[in-house]
C-alpha atoms as a PDB file:
ATOM      1  CA  UNK A   1      -0.262  -0.140   0.301  1.00  0.00           C
ATOM      2  CA  UNK A   2       0.865   3.480  -0.966  1.00  0.00           C
ATOM      3  CA  UNK A   3       0.130   6.838   0.414  1.00  0.00           C
ATOM      4  CA  UNK A   4      -1.040   9.744  -1.757  1.00  0.00           C
ATOM      5  CA  UNK A   5       2.666  10.560  -3.109  1.00  0.00           C
ATOM      6  CA  UNK A   6       3.365   6.598  -3.475  1.00  0.00           C
ATOM      7  CA  UNK A   7       5.112   6.677  -0.383  1.00  0.00           C
ATOM      8  CA  UNK A   8       4.765   3.836   2.020  1.00  0.00           C
ATOM      9  CA  UNK A   9       2.468   4.294   4.677  1.00  0.00           C
ATOM     10  CA  UNK A  10       3.340   4.858   8.071  1.00  0.00           C
ATOM     11  CA  UNK A  11       2.167   1.740   9.837  1.00  0.00           C
ATOM     12  CA  UNK A  12       2.471   0.777  14.331  1.00  0.00           C
ATOM     13  CA  UNK A  13       3.207  -2.705  14.809  1.00  0.00           C
ATOM     14  CA  UNK A  14       2.562  -3.952  18.461  1.00  0.00           C
ATOM     15  CA  UNK A  15       2.530  -6.984  20.183  1.00  0.00           C
ATOM     16  CA  UNK A  16       0.907  -8.090  23.490  1.00  0.00           C
ATOM     17  CA  UNK A  17       2.461 -10.905  25.928  1.00  0.00           C
ATOM     18  CA  UNK A  18       2.648 -11.879  29.307  1.00  0.00           C
ATOM     19  CA  UNK A  19       3.588 -14.521  31.944  1.00  0.00           C
ATOM     20  CA  UNK A  20       2.860 -17.019  35.050  1.00  0.00           C
ATOM     21  CA  UNK A  21       6.072 -17.578  36.737  1.00  0.00           C
ATOM     22  CA  UNK A  22       8.299 -20.306  34.896  1.00  0.00           C
ATOM     23  CA  UNK A  23      11.761 -20.095  36.377  1.00  0.00           C
ATOM     24  CA  UNK A  24      12.886 -19.766  40.390  1.00  0.00           C
ATOM     25  CA  UNK A  25      14.583 -16.255  39.746  1.00  0.00           C
ATOM     26  CA  UNK A  26      11.806 -13.542  39.676  1.00  0.00           C
ATOM     27  CA  UNK A  27      14.920 -11.327  37.901  1.00  0.00           C
ATOM     28  CA  UNK A  28      15.137 -14.002  35.586  1.00  0.00           C
ATOM     29  CA  UNK A  29      11.587 -14.206  34.917  1.00  0.00           C
ATOM     30  CA  UNK A  30      11.169 -10.587  34.256  1.00  0.00           C
ATOM     31  CA  UNK A  31      13.722 -10.869  31.514  1.00  0.00           C
ATOM     32  CA  UNK A  32      12.209 -13.633  29.587  1.00  0.00           C
ATOM     33  CA  UNK A  33       9.063 -12.216  29.933  1.00  0.00           C
ATOM     34  CA  UNK A  34      10.395  -9.006  28.205  1.00  0.00           C
ATOM     35  CA  UNK A  35      12.881 -10.878  25.563  1.00  0.00           C
ATOM     36  CA  UNK A  36       9.237 -12.800  24.546  1.00  0.00           C
ATOM     37  CA  UNK A  37       7.171  -9.850  24.504  1.00  0.00           C
ATOM     38  CA  UNK A  38       9.848  -8.626  21.921  1.00  0.00           C
ATOM     39  CA  UNK A  39      10.381 -11.546  19.726  1.00  0.00           C
ATOM     40  CA  UNK A  40       7.218 -10.898  17.715  1.00  0.00           C
ATOM     41  CA  UNK A  41       8.917  -7.758  16.489  1.00  0.00           C
ATOM     42  CA  UNK A  42      12.096  -9.327  15.876  1.00  0.00           C
ATOM     43  CA  UNK A  43      10.007 -11.664  13.811  1.00  0.00           C
ATOM     44  CA  UNK A  44       9.418  -9.767  11.187  1.00  0.00           C
ATOM     45  CA  UNK A  45      12.806  -8.425  10.564  1.00  0.00           C
ATOM     46  CA  UNK A  46      12.845  -5.300  12.882  1.00  0.00           C
ATOM     47  CA  UNK A  47      15.830  -4.877  15.007  1.00  0.00           C
ATOM     48  CA  UNK A  48      14.352  -1.647  17.080  1.00  0.00           C
ATOM     49  CA  UNK A  49      11.478  -0.952  18.977  1.00  0.00           C
ATOM     50  CA  UNK A  50      10.456   2.559  20.049  1.00  0.00           C
ATOM     51  CA  UNK A  51       8.679   2.081  23.622  1.00  0.00           C
ATOM     52  CA  UNK A  52       7.286  -1.046  25.625  1.00  0.00           C
ATOM     53  CA  UNK A  53       4.151  -0.716  28.286  1.00  0.00           C
ATOM     54  CA  UNK A  54       4.780  -3.144  31.369  1.00  0.00           C
ATOM     55  CA  UNK A  55       1.648  -5.901  32.579  1.00  0.00           C
ATOM     56  CA  UNK A  56       2.482  -6.640  36.315  1.00  0.00           C
ATOM     57  CA  UNK A  57      -0.067  -8.717  39.007  1.00  0.00           C
ATOM     58  CA  UNK A  58       1.603  -8.029  42.055  1.00  0.00           C
ATOM     59  CA  UNK A  59       1.312 -11.454  44.066  1.00  0.00           C
ATOM     60  CA  UNK A  60      -1.804 -11.287  47.148  1.00  0.00           C
ATOM     61  CA  UNK A  61      -0.518 -14.727  48.018  1.00  0.00           C
ATOM     62  CA  UNK A  62       2.931 -13.842  48.892  1.00  0.00           C
ATOM     63  CA  UNK A  63       3.283 -12.239  52.444  1.00  0.00           C
ATOM     64  CA  UNK A  64       4.459  -8.444  52.019  1.00  0.00           C
ATOM     65  CA  UNK A  65       7.861  -8.992  52.081  1.00  0.00           C
ATOM     66  CA  UNK A  66       8.019 -11.317  49.711  1.00  0.00           C
ATOM     67  CA  UNK A  67       5.977  -9.812  47.607  1.00  0.00           C
ATOM     68  CA  UNK A  68       7.804  -6.713  47.687  1.00  0.00           C
ATOM     69  CA  UNK A  69      11.052  -8.413  46.625  1.00  0.00           C
ATOM     70  CA  UNK A  70       9.742 -10.453  43.926  1.00  0.00           C
ATOM     71  CA  UNK A  71       7.791  -7.256  42.296  1.00  0.00           C
ATOM     72  CA  UNK A  72      10.994  -5.157  42.577  1.00  0.00           C
ATOM     73  CA  UNK A  73      13.209  -8.303  40.701  1.00  0.00           C
ATOM     74  CA  UNK A  74      10.685  -8.991  38.024  1.00  0.00           C
ATOM     75  CA  UNK A  75      10.423  -5.445  37.337  1.00  0.00           C
ATOM     76  CA  UNK A  76      14.354  -5.114  37.238  1.00  0.00           C
ATOM     77  CA  UNK A  77      14.856  -7.962  34.922  1.00  0.00           C
ATOM     78  CA  UNK A  78      12.097  -6.692  32.220  1.00  0.00           C
ATOM     79  CA  UNK A  79      13.502  -2.868  32.455  1.00  0.00           C
ATOM     80  CA  UNK A  80      17.516  -4.569  31.945  1.00  0.00           C
ATOM     81  CA  UNK A  81      16.497  -6.336  28.817  1.00  0.00           C
ATOM     82  CA  UNK A  82      14.421  -3.952  27.472  1.00  0.00           C
ATOM     83  CA  UNK A  83      17.381  -1.260  28.232  1.00  0.00           C
ATOM     84  CA  UNK A  84      19.573  -3.986  26.171  1.00  0.00           C
ATOM     85  CA  UNK A  85      17.390  -3.876  23.622  1.00  0.00           C
ATOM     86  CA  UNK A  86      17.826   0.272  22.987  1.00  0.00           C
ATOM     87  CA  UNK A  87      14.060   0.534  23.904  1.00  0.00           C
ATOM     88  CA  UNK A  88      12.675   1.466  27.664  1.00  0.00           C
ATOM     89  CA  UNK A  89       9.249   1.605  29.417  1.00  0.00           C
ATOM     90  CA  UNK A  90       6.832   4.001  29.090  1.00  0.00           C
ATOM     91  CA  UNK A  91       3.716   2.863  30.836  1.00  0.00           C
ATOM     92  CA  UNK A  92       1.844  -0.321  31.770  1.00  0.00           C
ATOM     93  CA  UNK A  93      -0.992  -1.043  34.098  1.00  0.00           C
ATOM     94  CA  UNK A  94      -0.690  -3.085  37.521  1.00  0.00           C
ATOM     95  CA  UNK A  95      -2.931  -5.310  39.113  1.00  0.00           C
ATOM     96  CA  UNK A  96      -3.428  -7.278  42.346  1.00  0.00           C
ATOM     97  CA  UNK A  97      -3.618 -11.010  41.762  1.00  0.00           C
ATOM     98  CA  UNK A  98      -3.396 -14.444  43.699  1.00  0.00           C
ATOM     99  CA  UNK A  99      -0.219 -14.860  41.804  1.00  0.00           C
ATOM    100  CA  UNK A 100       2.415 -12.787  40.137  1.00  0.00           C
ATOM    101  CA  UNK A 101       2.533 -12.023  36.298  1.00  0.00           C
ATOM    102  CA  UNK A 102       4.715 -10.093  34.210  1.00  0.00           C
ATOM    103  CA  UNK A 103       4.859  -9.103  30.714  1.00  0.00           C
ATOM    104  CA  UNK A 104       3.879  -6.733  28.053  1.00  0.00           C
ATOM    105  CA  UNK A 105       3.577  -4.267  25.054  1.00  0.00           C
ATOM    106  CA  UNK A 106       6.201  -3.698  22.354  1.00  0.00           C
ATOM    107  CA  UNK A 107       5.668  -1.211  20.006  1.00  0.00           C
ATOM    108  CA  UNK A 108       7.220   0.187  16.954  1.00  0.00           C
ATOM    109  CA  UNK A 109       5.760   2.723  14.219  1.00  0.00           C
ATOM    110  CA  UNK A 110       8.191   1.991  10.848  1.00  0.00           C
ATOM    111  CA  UNK A 111       7.046   1.986   6.746  1.00  0.00           C
ATOM    112  CA  UNK A 112       6.560  -1.361   4.767  1.00  0.00           C
ATOM    113  CA  UNK A 113       9.757  -0.697   3.736  1.00  0.00           C
ATOM    114  CA  UNK A 114      11.041  -1.729   6.809  1.00  0.00           C
ATOM    115  CA  UNK A 115       9.634  -5.011   7.947  1.00  0.00           C
ATOM    116  CA  UNK A 116       9.906  -8.454   6.352  1.00  0.00           C
ATOM    117  CA  UNK A 117       6.807  -9.995   5.060  1.00  0.00           C
ATOM    118  CA  UNK A 118       6.231 -13.238   6.075  1.00  0.00           C
ATOM    119  CA  UNK A 119       4.981 -14.908   3.034  1.00  0.00           C
ATOM    120  CA  UNK A 120       7.780 -14.829   0.357  1.00  0.00           C
ATOM    121  CA  UNK A 121       9.114 -18.448   0.940  1.00  0.00           C
ATOM    122  CA  UNK A 122      10.465 -19.739  -2.501  1.00  0.00           C
ATOM    123  CA  UNK A 123      11.241 -23.272  -3.382  1.00  0.00           C
ATOM    124  CA  UNK A 124      15.291 -24.188  -2.524  1.00  0.00           C
ATOM    125  CA  UNK A 125      15.271 -21.782   0.550  1.00  0.00           C
ATOM    126  CA  UNK A 126      16.226 -23.142   3.655  1.00  0.00           C
ATOM    127  CA  UNK A 127      14.674 -23.176   6.905  1.00  0.00           C
ATOM    128  CA  UNK A 128      17.016 -21.647  10.140  1.00  0.00           C
ATOM    129  CA  UNK A 129      16.585 -21.685  13.887  1.00  0.00           C
ATOM    130  CA  UNK A 130      18.519 -19.676  15.753  1.00  0.00           C
ATOM    131  CA  UNK A 131      17.894 -20.780  19.245  1.00  0.00           C
ATOM    132  CA  UNK A 132      17.542 -25.104  20.360  1.00  0.00           C
ATOM    133  CA  UNK A 133      14.682 -26.413  21.697  1.00  0.00           C
ATOM    134  CA  UNK A 134      13.443 -28.380  24.182  1.00  0.00           C
ATOM    135  CA  UNK A 135      12.866 -25.484  27.100  1.00  0.00           C
ATOM    136  CA  UNK A 136       9.880 -26.541  28.626  1.00  0.00           C
ATOM    137  CA  UNK A 137      11.183 -29.805  29.115  1.00  0.00           C
ATOM    138  CA  UNK A 138      14.082 -28.332  30.978  1.00  0.00           C
ATOM    139  CA  UNK A 139      11.994 -26.401  33.185  1.00  0.00           C
ATOM    140  CA  UNK A 140      10.050 -28.817  34.078  1.00  0.00           C
ATOM    141  CA  UNK A 141      12.877 -31.122  34.967  1.00  0.00           C
ATOM    142  CA  UNK A 142      14.412 -28.982  36.822  1.00  0.00           C
ATOM    143  CA  UNK A 143      10.866 -28.238  39.434  1.00  0.00           C
ATOM    144  CA  UNK A 144      10.753 -32.402  39.697  1.00  0.00           C
ATOM    145  CA  UNK A 145      14.507 -32.277  40.870  1.00  0.00           C
ATOM    146  CA  UNK A 146      13.661 -29.265  43.336  1.00  0.00           C
ATOM    147  CA  UNK A 147      10.697 -31.080  44.584  1.00  0.00           C
ATOM    148  CA  UNK A 148      11.973 -34.134  44.976  1.00  0.00           C
ATOM    149  CA  UNK A 149       8.521 -35.448  43.232  1.00  0.00           C
ATOM    150  CA  UNK A 150       8.039 -39.279  42.538  1.00  0.00           C
ATOM    151  CA  UNK A 151       8.918 -38.039  38.970  1.00  0.00           C
ATOM    152  CA  UNK A 152      12.639 -37.519  39.687  1.00  0.00           C
ATOM    153  CA  UNK A 153      12.803 -39.830  42.311  1.00  0.00           C
ATOM    154  CA  UNK A 154      11.055 -42.742  40.486  1.00  0.00           C
ATOM    155  CA  UNK A 155      12.209 -41.527  36.618  1.00  0.00           C
ATOM    156  CA  UNK A 156      13.910 -39.058  35.461  1.00  0.00           C
ATOM    157  CA  UNK A 157      16.569 -39.918  37.778  1.00  0.00           C
ATOM    158  CA  UNK A 158      17.940 -43.183  36.528  1.00  0.00           C
ATOM    159  CA  UNK A 159      18.877 -40.845  33.476  1.00  0.00           C
ATOM    160  CA  UNK A 160      19.560 -37.692  34.770  1.00  0.00           C
ATOM    161  CA  UNK A 161      22.267 -36.830  37.463  1.00  0.00           C
ATOM    162  CA  UNK A 162      20.954 -33.639  38.953  1.00  0.00           C
ATOM    163  CA  UNK A 163      23.987 -31.692  38.215  1.00  0.00           C
ATOM    164  CA  UNK A 164      22.892 -32.510  34.187  1.00  0.00           C
ATOM    165  CA  UNK A 165      19.384 -31.603  34.971  1.00  0.00           C
ATOM    166  CA  UNK A 166      20.899 -28.299  36.227  1.00  0.00           C
ATOM    167  CA  UNK A 167      23.110 -27.531  33.165  1.00  0.00           C
ATOM    168  CA  UNK A 168      19.890 -28.420  31.072  1.00  0.00           C
ATOM    169  CA  UNK A 169      18.220 -25.697  33.046  1.00  0.00           C
ATOM    170  CA  UNK A 170      20.560 -23.228  33.198  1.00  0.00           C
ATOM    171  CA  UNK A 171      21.014 -24.081  29.253  1.00  0.00           C
ATOM    172  CA  UNK A 172      16.997 -23.064  28.873  1.00  0.00           C
ATOM    173  CA  UNK A 173      17.067 -20.025  30.968  1.00  0.00           C
ATOM    174  CA  UNK A 174      20.036 -18.731  28.996  1.00  0.00           C
ATOM    175  CA  UNK A 175      18.250 -19.410  25.747  1.00  0.00           C
ATOM    176  CA  UNK A 176      14.526 -17.436  26.884  1.00  0.00           C
ATOM    177  CA  UNK A 177      15.896 -14.340  28.563  1.00  0.00           C
ATOM    178  CA  UNK A 178      18.459 -13.840  25.457  1.00  0.00           C
ATOM    179  CA  UNK A 179      16.954 -11.460  22.785  1.00  0.00           C
ATOM    180  CA  UNK A 180      16.350 -12.042  19.155  1.00  0.00           C
ATOM    181  CA  UNK A 181      17.469  -8.533  17.908  1.00  0.00           C
ATOM    182  CA  UNK A 182      20.225  -9.638  16.549  1.00  0.00           C
ATOM    183  CA  UNK A 183      19.015 -12.521  14.064  1.00  0.00           C
ATOM    184  CA  UNK A 184      16.198 -10.087  13.371  1.00  0.00           C
ATOM    185  CA  UNK A 185      19.212  -7.381  12.079  1.00  0.00           C
ATOM    186  CA  UNK A 186      20.762 -10.072   9.860  1.00  0.00           C
ATOM    187  CA  UNK A 187      17.295 -11.527   8.460  1.00  0.00           C
ATOM    188  CA  UNK A 188      16.927  -7.962   7.279  1.00  0.00           C
ATOM    189  CA  UNK A 189      20.456  -7.936   5.862  1.00  0.00           C
ATOM    190  CA  UNK A 190      20.187 -10.972   4.059  1.00  0.00           C
ATOM    191  CA  UNK A 191      16.606 -10.281   2.622  1.00  0.00           C
ATOM    192  CA  UNK A 192      14.673 -13.329   4.199  1.00  0.00           C
ATOM    193  CA  UNK A 193      11.710 -14.596   2.725  1.00  0.00           C
ATOM    194  CA  UNK A 194       9.631 -14.635   6.161  1.00  0.00           C
ATOM    195  CA  UNK A 195       9.932 -15.927   9.725  1.00  0.00           C
ATOM    196  CA  UNK A 196       8.252 -16.622  12.846  1.00  0.00           C
ATOM    197  CA  UNK A 197       8.797 -16.732  16.448  1.00  0.00           C
ATOM    198  CA  UNK A 198       8.844 -20.657  18.150  1.00  0.00           C
ATOM    199  CA  UNK A 199       6.634 -20.103  21.107  1.00  0.00           C
ATOM    200  CA  UNK A 200       3.638 -22.219  22.490  1.00  0.00           C
ATOM    201  CA  UNK A 201       2.575 -23.747  19.304  1.00  0.00           C
ATOM    202  CA  UNK A 202       6.093 -25.337  19.249  1.00  0.00           C
ATOM    203  CA  UNK A 203       8.378 -25.614  15.981  1.00  0.00           C
ATOM    204  CA  UNK A 204       5.871 -27.713  14.217  1.00  0.00           C
ATOM    205  CA  UNK A 205       2.920 -25.457  14.759  1.00  0.00           C
ATOM    206  CA  UNK A 206       4.479 -21.914  14.165  1.00  0.00           C
ATOM    207  CA  UNK A 207       5.810 -23.757  10.619  1.00  0.00           C
ATOM    208  CA  UNK A 208       2.193 -24.820  10.300  1.00  0.00           C
ATOM    209  CA  UNK A 209       1.054 -21.735  10.630  1.00  0.00           C
ATOM    210  CA  UNK A 210       3.434 -19.761   8.834  1.00  0.00           C
ATOM    211  CA  UNK A 211       3.596 -22.512   5.515  1.00  0.00           C
ATOM    212  CA  UNK A 212      -0.097 -21.783   5.021  1.00  0.00           C
ATOM    213  CA  UNK A 213       0.008 -18.377   4.706  1.00  0.00           C
ATOM    214  CA  UNK A 214       2.991 -18.322   1.957  1.00  0.00           C
ATOM    215  CA  UNK A 215       1.990 -16.702  -1.486  1.00  0.00           C
ATOM    216  CA  UNK A 216       3.707 -19.394  -2.951  1.00  0.00           C
ATOM    217  CA  UNK A 217       3.064 -23.440  -3.752  1.00  0.00           C
ATOM    218  CA  UNK A 218       5.420 -24.629  -1.188  1.00  0.00           C
ATOM    219  CA  UNK A 219       5.705 -26.904   1.736  1.00  0.00           C
ATOM    220  CA  UNK A 220       8.323 -26.603   4.678  1.00  0.00           C
ATOM    221  CA  UNK A 221      10.527 -29.924   4.919  1.00  0.00           C
ATOM    222  CA  UNK A 222      11.720 -30.137   8.867  1.00  0.00           C
ATOM    223  CA  UNK A 223      14.095 -32.581   9.329  1.00  0.00           C
ATOM    224  CA  UNK A 224      16.366 -31.783  12.009  1.00  0.00           C
ATOM    225  CA  UNK A 225      15.645 -30.613  15.756  1.00  0.00           C
ATOM    226  CA  UNK A 226      18.693 -29.135  17.612  1.00  0.00           C
ATOM    227  CA  UNK A 227      17.282 -29.729  20.932  1.00  0.00           C
ATOM    228  CA  UNK A 228      18.903 -29.050  24.557  1.00  0.00           C
ATOM    229  CA  UNK A 229      21.093 -31.840  25.707  1.00  0.00           C
ATOM    230  CA  UNK A 230      19.392 -35.308  26.846  1.00  0.00           C
ATOM    231  CA  UNK A 231      15.479 -33.617  26.428  1.00  0.00           C
ATOM    232  CA  UNK A 232      14.868 -36.115  24.252  1.00  0.00           C
ATOM    233  CA  UNK A 233      15.289 -38.539  26.662  1.00  0.00           C
ATOM    234  CA  UNK A 234      13.053 -36.862  28.933  1.00  0.00           C
ATOM    235  CA  UNK A 235      10.301 -36.713  26.292  1.00  0.00           C
ATOM    236  CA  UNK A 236      10.453 -40.558  25.504  1.00  0.00           C
ATOM    237  CA  UNK A 237      11.241 -41.765  28.613  1.00  0.00           C
ATOM    238  CA  UNK A 238       9.517 -39.727  31.691  1.00  0.00           C
ATOM    239  CA  UNK A 239       6.657 -37.584  29.957  1.00  0.00           C
ATOM    240  CA  UNK A 240       6.004 -36.932  26.400  1.00  0.00           C
ATOM    241  CA  UNK A 241       6.089 -33.255  26.028  1.00  0.00           C
ATOM    242  CA  UNK A 242       5.844 -34.194  22.077  1.00  0.00           C
ATOM    243  CA  UNK A 243       9.192 -32.103  22.054  1.00  0.00           C
ATOM    244  CA  UNK A 244      10.420 -35.030  18.743  1.00  0.00           C
ATOM    245  CA  UNK A 245       6.783 -34.431  17.221  1.00  0.00           C
ATOM    246  CA  UNK A 246       7.429 -30.873  16.992  1.00  0.00           C
ATOM    247  CA  UNK A 247       4.620 -29.525  19.408  1.00  0.00           C
ATOM    248  CA  UNK A 248       6.168 -29.053  23.339  1.00  0.00           C
ATOM    249  CA  UNK A 249       5.758 -25.806  23.889  1.00  0.00           C
ATOM    250  CA  UNK A 250       8.974 -22.997  24.293  1.00  0.00           C
ATOM    251  CA  UNK A 251       8.511 -19.941  25.595  1.00  0.00           C
ATOM    252  CA  UNK A 252      10.922 -16.809  24.346  1.00  0.00           C
ATOM    253  CA  UNK A 253      12.541 -19.777  21.455  1.00  0.00           C
ATOM    254  CA  UNK A 254      14.283 -18.408  18.197  1.00  0.00           C
ATOM    255  CA  UNK A 255      13.098 -17.544  15.002  1.00  0.00           C
ATOM    256  CA  UNK A 256      13.067 -20.277  12.186  1.00  0.00           C
ATOM    257  CA  UNK A 257      13.665 -17.771   9.485  1.00  0.00           C
ATOM    258  CA  UNK A 258      13.201 -18.996   5.846  1.00  0.00           C
ATOM    259  CA  UNK A 259      16.822 -17.837   4.659  1.00  0.00           C
ATOM    260  CA  UNK A 260      17.690 -17.817   0.571  1.00  0.00           C
ATOM    261  CA  UNK A 261      19.806 -20.406   0.005  1.00  0.00           C
ATOM    262  CA  UNK A 262      22.497 -17.939  -1.309  1.00  0.00           C
ATOM    263  CA  UNK A 263      22.581 -16.137   1.826  1.00  0.00           C
ATOM    264  CA  UNK A 264      22.808 -19.067   4.109  1.00  0.00           C
ATOM    265  CA  UNK A 265      26.338 -19.179   5.098  1.00  0.00           C
ATOM    266  CA  UNK A 266      26.854 -15.530   5.490  1.00  0.00           C
ATOM    267  CA  UNK A 267      23.776 -15.223   7.904  1.00  0.00           C
ATOM    268  CA  UNK A 268      25.406 -17.831   9.984  1.00  0.00           C
ATOM    269  CA  UNK A 269      28.641 -16.839   9.599  1.00  0.00           C
ATOM    270  CA  UNK A 270      27.570 -13.194  10.267  1.00  0.00           C
ATOM    271  CA  UNK A 271      25.676 -14.320  13.282  1.00  0.00           C
ATOM    272  CA  UNK A 272      28.412 -16.852  14.934  1.00  0.00           C
ATOM    273  CA  UNK A 273      31.276 -14.123  13.821  1.00  0.00           C
ATOM    274  CA  UNK A 274      29.778 -11.106  15.141  1.00  0.00           C
ATOM    275  CA  UNK A 275      27.482 -11.783  17.803  1.00  0.00           C
ATOM    276  CA  UNK A 276      28.522 -15.143  19.220  1.00  0.00           C
ATOM    277  CA  UNK A 277      25.609 -17.233  18.362  1.00  0.00           C
ATOM    278  CA  UNK A 278      24.738 -20.657  16.438  1.00  0.00           C
ATOM    279  CA  UNK A 279      22.038 -21.607  14.576  1.00  0.00           C
ATOM    280  CA  UNK A 280      20.897 -25.083  12.844  1.00  0.00           C
ATOM    281  CA  UNK A 281      19.448 -25.793   9.269  1.00  0.00           C
ATOM    282  CA  UNK A 282      16.241 -27.573  10.210  1.00  0.00           C
ATOM    283  CA  UNK A 283      14.852 -27.924   6.940  1.00  0.00           C
ATOM    284  CA  UNK A 284      14.163 -26.796   3.319  1.00  0.00           C
ATOM    285  CA  UNK A 285      11.702 -25.217   1.249  1.00  0.00           C
ATOM    286  CA  UNK A 286      10.186 -27.512  -1.381  1.00  0.00           C
ATOM    287  CA  UNK A 287       6.882 -27.496  -4.373  1.00  0.00           C
ATOM    288  CA  UNK A 288       3.836 -28.345  -2.434  1.00  0.00           C
ATOM    289  CA  UNK A 289       0.841 -27.447  -0.997  1.00  0.00           C
ATOM    290  CA  UNK A 290       1.287 -25.035   1.757  1.00  0.00           C
ATOM    291  CA  UNK A 291       2.127 -27.848   4.442  1.00  0.00           C
ATOM    292  CA  UNK A 292       4.853 -29.100   6.940  1.00  0.00           C
ATOM    293  CA  UNK A 293       6.492 -32.390   5.605  1.00  0.00           C
ATOM    294  CA  UNK A 294       7.722 -34.168   8.921  1.00  0.00           C
ATOM    295  CA  UNK A 295      11.449 -36.253   8.011  1.00  0.00           C
ATOM    296  CA  UNK A 296      13.889 -36.444   5.811  1.00  0.00           C
ATOM    297  CA  UNK A 297      11.177 -37.491   2.641  1.00  0.00           C
ATOM    298  CA  UNK A 298       8.276 -38.421   2.085  1.00  0.00           C
ATOM    299  CA  UNK A 299       8.531 -41.855   2.717  1.00  0.00           C
ATOM    300  CA  UNK A 300      10.544 -41.333   6.408  1.00  0.00           C
ATOM    301  CA  UNK A 301       9.176 -39.248   9.090  1.00  0.00           C
ATOM    302  CA  UNK A 302      12.376 -39.702  11.156  1.00  0.00           C
ATOM    303  CA  UNK A 303      14.266 -36.629  12.199  1.00  0.00           C
ATOM    304  CA  UNK A 304      18.241 -35.967  13.066  1.00  0.00           C
ATOM    305  CA  UNK A 305      17.789 -34.828  16.391  1.00  0.00           C
ATOM    306  CA  UNK A 306      20.903 -32.401  17.122  1.00  0.00           C
ATOM    307  CA  UNK A 307      21.939 -32.455  21.051  1.00  0.00           C
ATOM    308  CA  UNK A 308      23.144 -29.181  21.788  1.00  0.00           C
ATOM    309  CA  UNK A 309      25.612 -29.968  25.026  1.00  0.00           C
ATOM    310  CA  UNK A 310      26.924 -26.380  25.834  1.00  0.00           C
ATOM    311  CA  UNK A 311      26.152 -22.800  25.421  1.00  0.00           C
ATOM    312  CA  UNK A 312      24.528 -21.427  21.869  1.00  0.00           C
ATOM    313  CA  UNK A 313      26.131 -18.210  22.966  1.00  0.00           C
ATOM    314  CA  UNK A 314      29.617 -17.344  22.978  1.00  0.00           C
ATOM    315  CA  UNK A 315      31.679 -14.500  23.653  1.00  0.00           C
ATOM    316  CA  UNK A 316      28.516 -12.458  22.718  1.00  0.00           C
ATOM    317  CA  UNK A 317      29.500  -9.220  21.316  1.00  0.00           C
END
């Protein structure tokens, strides 16, 4: 759409999200909530946010001292993440609630030329994922371990030591608290053909949503899943989160970007060398009927599991 003189209309892009607690540390909870709120903007290839609003629920089921500490730390984590993203909190809404809630609204005013349209996938494009999967499994595993409940003592502890469970949890926290700003900038630089962030529907669910809106008759063929080390074991032997089926919910997950094949290596190189962030090719765009093909080919639904054993972030710049 063009304005009266052939110029782009100015557009407002806004996204809203919020969470109940999913980690033990209220400061980290605040960071994760902010990172997740920002991701819908970043998934459009926009690496700036003009301002944010905060959504906050103060917990009535905590005593006054607990409430003061938890609320202050959640706000501090949210603010620090917003500052890292180069934006600021300009307002919001607070309520009283039995349990704490933290989230927000991210707003950016831009021209059409400043963001990436989601529906430009072409056969031959590659699907690139910028964070590992398995955060839901890792967070639950940590909770079982801390509670020493039957799920831990009778099942999960057969496969995981407490130290290994903590490592998986710390990796998930690192992933969820990391903003997708750098990947968004590279999506724009390399003229990617669309993207989505991976959150509540899991990688397959979000890929299905994305492929359905494509302009061309294409399928997404997903052949690989980078997973926080060992989470597929918990998924298989302890509790089925549908992780290897692609439907396990992620919180503040990575961007699933549709990358032109001639830009793939350069984008991965820049993400790693300039920003210290690993990424993975998880699939291909092929001719089809706007479906997700799950597996290496039509005859096999087997998926390659890539175990992410250490931080996917190196010396960040």
